[in-house]
C-alpha atoms as a PDB file:
ATOM      1  CA  UNK A   1      75.223  41.396 152.222  1.00  0.00           C
ATOM      2  CA  UNK A   2      71.770  41.905 152.845  1.00  0.00           C
ATOM      3  CA  UNK A   3      70.352  45.632 153.003  1.00  0.00           C
ATOM      4  CA  UNK A   4      67.749  46.218 155.527  1.00  0.00           C
ATOM      5  CA  UNK A   5      64.760  48.901 156.411  1.00  0.00           C
ATOM      6  CA  UNK A   6      64.481  49.508 160.029  1.00  0.00           C
ATOM      7  CA  UNK A   7      61.313  51.406 161.715  1.00  0.00           C
ATOM      8  CA  UNK A   8      62.249  53.476 164.721  1.00  0.00           C
ATOM      9  CA  UNK A   9      59.507  55.621 165.999  1.00  0.00           C
ATOM     10  CA  UNK A  10      60.409  58.825 168.271  1.00  0.00           C
ATOM     11  CA  UNK A  11      58.746  61.035 170.467  1.00  0.00           C
ATOM     12  CA  UNK A  12      59.679  64.194 168.467  1.00  0.00           C
ATOM     13  CA  UNK A  13      61.815  65.506 165.482  1.00  0.00           C
ATOM     14  CA  UNK A  14      64.982  66.647 167.796  1.00  0.00           C
ATOM     15  CA  UNK A  15      65.657  63.721 169.304  1.00  0.00           C
ATOM     16  CA  UNK A  16      64.956  61.628 165.664  1.00  0.00           C
ATOM     17  CA  UNK A  17      67.253  63.906 164.385  1.00  0.00           C
ATOM     18  CA  UNK A  18      70.429  63.087 167.065  1.00  0.00           C
ATOM     19  CA  UNK A  19      69.957  59.443 166.220  1.00  0.00           C
ATOM     20  CA  UNK A  20      69.755  59.969 162.428  1.00  0.00           C
ATOM     21  CA  UNK A  21      72.602  62.093 162.768  1.00  0.00           C
ATOM     22  CA  UNK A  22      74.537  59.084 165.142  1.00  0.00           C
ATOM     23  CA  UNK A  23      73.709  56.459 162.681  1.00  0.00           C
ATOM     24  CA  UNK A  24      74.870  58.379 159.307  1.00  0.00           C
ATOM     25  CA  UNK A  25      77.910  59.666 160.626  1.00  0.00           C
ATOM     26  CA  UNK A  26      79.275  56.683 162.528  1.00  0.00           C
ATOM     27  CA  UNK A  27      78.488  54.580 159.186  1.00  0.00           C
ATOM     28  CA  UNK A  28      75.981  52.538 161.001  1.00  0.00           C
ATOM     29  CA  UNK A  29      73.535  53.278 158.384  1.00  0.00           C
ATOM     30  CA  UNK A  30      73.526  54.651 154.752  1.00  0.00           C
ATOM     31  CA  UNK A  31      70.608  56.712 155.161  1.00  0.00           C
ATOM     32  CA  UNK A  32      67.812  57.471 157.660  1.00  0.00           C
ATOM     33  CA  UNK A  33      64.743  59.364 156.596  1.00  0.00           C
ATOM     34  CA  UNK A  34      62.510  61.054 158.791  1.00  0.00           C
ATOM     35  CA  UNK A  35      58.712  60.866 158.900  1.00  0.00           C
ATOM     36  CA  UNK A  36      56.595  63.154 161.011  1.00  0.00           C
ATOM     37  CA  UNK A  37      53.383  63.687 162.303  1.00  0.00           C
ATOM     38  CA  UNK A  38      52.742  59.442 162.704  1.00  0.00           C
ATOM     39  CA  UNK A  39      49.768  59.055 165.031  1.00  0.00           C
ATOM     40  CA  UNK A  40      50.352  55.625 166.970  1.00  0.00           C
ATOM     41  CA  UNK A  41      47.959  54.157 168.999  1.00  0.00           C
ATOM     42  CA  UNK A  42      49.711  51.309 171.426  1.00  0.00           C
ATOM     43  CA  UNK A  43      49.084  49.240 174.635  1.00  0.00           C
ATOM     44  CA  UNK A  44      51.977  50.646 177.376  1.00  0.00           C
ATOM     45  CA  UNK A  45      51.454  49.686 180.848  1.00  0.00           C
ATOM     46  CA  UNK A  46      48.195  48.241 180.740  1.00  0.00           C
ATOM     47  CA  UNK A  47      46.632  51.057 179.007  1.00  0.00           C
ATOM     48  CA  UNK A  48      45.943  52.108 175.678  1.00  0.00           C
ATOM     49  CA  UNK A  49      48.048  55.379 174.784  1.00  0.00           C
ATOM     50  CA  UNK A  50      48.122  57.750 171.868  1.00  0.00           C
ATOM     51  CA  UNK A  51      50.756  59.470 170.548  1.00  0.00           C
ATOM     52  CA  UNK A  52      52.092  61.750 167.724  1.00  0.00           C
ATOM     53  CA  UNK A  53      55.593  60.718 166.545  1.00  0.00           C
ATOM     54  CA  UNK A  54      58.280  60.544 164.056  1.00  0.00           C
ATOM     55  CA  UNK A  55      59.162  57.364 161.961  1.00  0.00           C
ATOM     56  CA  UNK A  56      62.859  56.898 161.144  1.00  0.00           C
ATOM     57  CA  UNK A  57      63.487  54.792 158.211  1.00  0.00           C
ATOM     58  CA  UNK A  58      67.031  53.654 158.518  1.00  0.00           C
ATOM     59  CA  UNK A  59      68.489  51.715 155.595  1.00  0.00           C
ATOM     60  CA  UNK A  60      71.574  49.835 156.935  1.00  0.00           C
ATOM     61  CA  UNK A  61      72.951  46.247 156.497  1.00  0.00           C
ATOM     62  CA  UNK A  62      72.367  42.856 158.532  1.00  0.00           C
ATOM     63  CA  UNK A  63      76.293  43.449 159.582  1.00  0.00           C
ATOM     64  CA  UNK A  64      75.620  46.312 160.606  1.00  0.00           C
ATOM     65  CA  UNK A  65      72.011  45.490 162.394  1.00  0.00           C
ATOM     66  CA  UNK A  66      74.138  44.520 166.349  1.00  0.00           C
ATOM     67  CA  UNK A  67      75.501  47.929 166.373  1.00  0.00           C
ATOM     68  CA  UNK A  68      72.809  49.827 164.784  1.00  0.00           C
ATOM     69  CA  UNK A  69      70.671  48.467 167.460  1.00  0.00           C
ATOM     70  CA  UNK A  70      72.812  49.198 170.155  1.00  0.00           C
ATOM     71  CA  UNK A  71      73.295  53.016 169.032  1.00  0.00           C
ATOM     72  CA  UNK A  72      69.464  53.434 168.980  1.00  0.00           C
ATOM     73  CA  UNK A  73      69.375  51.815 172.653  1.00  0.00           C
ATOM     74  CA  UNK A  74      72.422  54.510 173.510  1.00  0.00           C
ATOM     75  CA  UNK A  75      70.577  57.241 172.246  1.00  0.00           C
ATOM     76  CA  UNK A  76      66.864  57.058 172.282  1.00  0.00           C
ATOM     77  CA  UNK A  77      64.576  58.507 174.902  1.00  0.00           C
ATOM     78  CA  UNK A  78      61.920  55.614 175.072  1.00  0.00           C
ATOM     79  CA  UNK A  79      62.219  52.794 177.836  1.00  0.00           C
ATOM     80  CA  UNK A  80      61.511  50.571 174.964  1.00  0.00           C
ATOM     81  CA  UNK A  81      62.299  51.838 171.691  1.00  0.00           C
ATOM     82  CA  UNK A  82      60.458  50.698 168.563  1.00  0.00           C
ATOM     83  CA  UNK A  83      63.514  48.791 166.124  1.00  0.00           C
ATOM     84  CA  UNK A  84      61.817  46.452 163.865  1.00  0.00           C
ATOM     85  CA  UNK A  85      64.203  45.453 160.568  1.00  0.00           C
ATOM     86  CA  UNK A  86      63.109  44.363 157.658  1.00  0.00           C
ATOM     87  CA  UNK A  87      65.256  42.925 154.513  1.00  0.00           C
ATOM     88  CA  UNK A  88      65.058  44.415 151.297  1.00  0.00           C
ATOM     89  CA  UNK A  89      63.512  41.490 149.059  1.00  0.00           C
ATOM     90  CA  UNK A  90      65.232  43.621 146.076  1.00  0.00           C
ATOM     91  CA  UNK A  91      65.950  46.917 144.906  1.00  0.00           C
ATOM     92  CA  UNK A  92      67.934  49.082 142.307  1.00  0.00           C
ATOM     93  CA  UNK A  93      71.377  47.489 142.699  1.00  0.00           C
ATOM     94  CA  UNK A  94      73.379  50.590 142.440  1.00  0.00           C
ATOM     95  CA  UNK A  95      71.545  51.778 145.488  1.00  0.00           C
ATOM     96  CA  UNK A  96      72.195  48.554 147.365  1.00  0.00           C
ATOM     97  CA  UNK A  97      75.857  48.695 146.812  1.00  0.00           C
ATOM     98  CA  UNK A  98      75.441  51.985 148.171  1.00  0.00           C
ATOM     99  CA  UNK A  99      73.809  51.253 150.962  1.00  0.00           C
ATOM    100  CA  UNK A 100      76.715  48.595 151.555  1.00  0.00           C
ATOM    101  CA  UNK A 101      79.011  50.901 150.843  1.00  0.00           C
ATOM    102  CA  UNK A 102      78.596  53.441 153.125  1.00  0.00           C
ATOM    103  CA  UNK A 103      77.851  51.114 156.055  1.00  0.00           C
ATOM    104  CA  UNK A 104      81.523  49.427 155.559  1.00  0.00           C
ATOM    105  CA  UNK A 105      83.606  49.055 158.602  1.00  0.00           C
ATOM    106  CA  UNK A 106      87.334  48.521 159.198  1.00  0.00           C
ATOM    107  CA  UNK A 107      87.317  46.667 162.526  1.00  0.00           C
END
């Protein structure tokens, strides 16, 4: 099962922590790292905006991506949250296996 690293920005640490805790608790992610102090420049509604955000690095598997995406959308305060998934081209095999085990679901 391919392991993914997903990038998601949040407006503050409180919302980032809520999302991180839910994803790990619900086995939608094996680990979520929060990186504060991100400075973003983006275009929104025809204006260039600047903001300070918290970046989430979400480690999950390809088969959990759809459910994880839906949960982020449900919890995220932004109208259009950033969520980009990148497949890991490699990595430490025991760590990749741990990600798969932590996100295993029995539906």
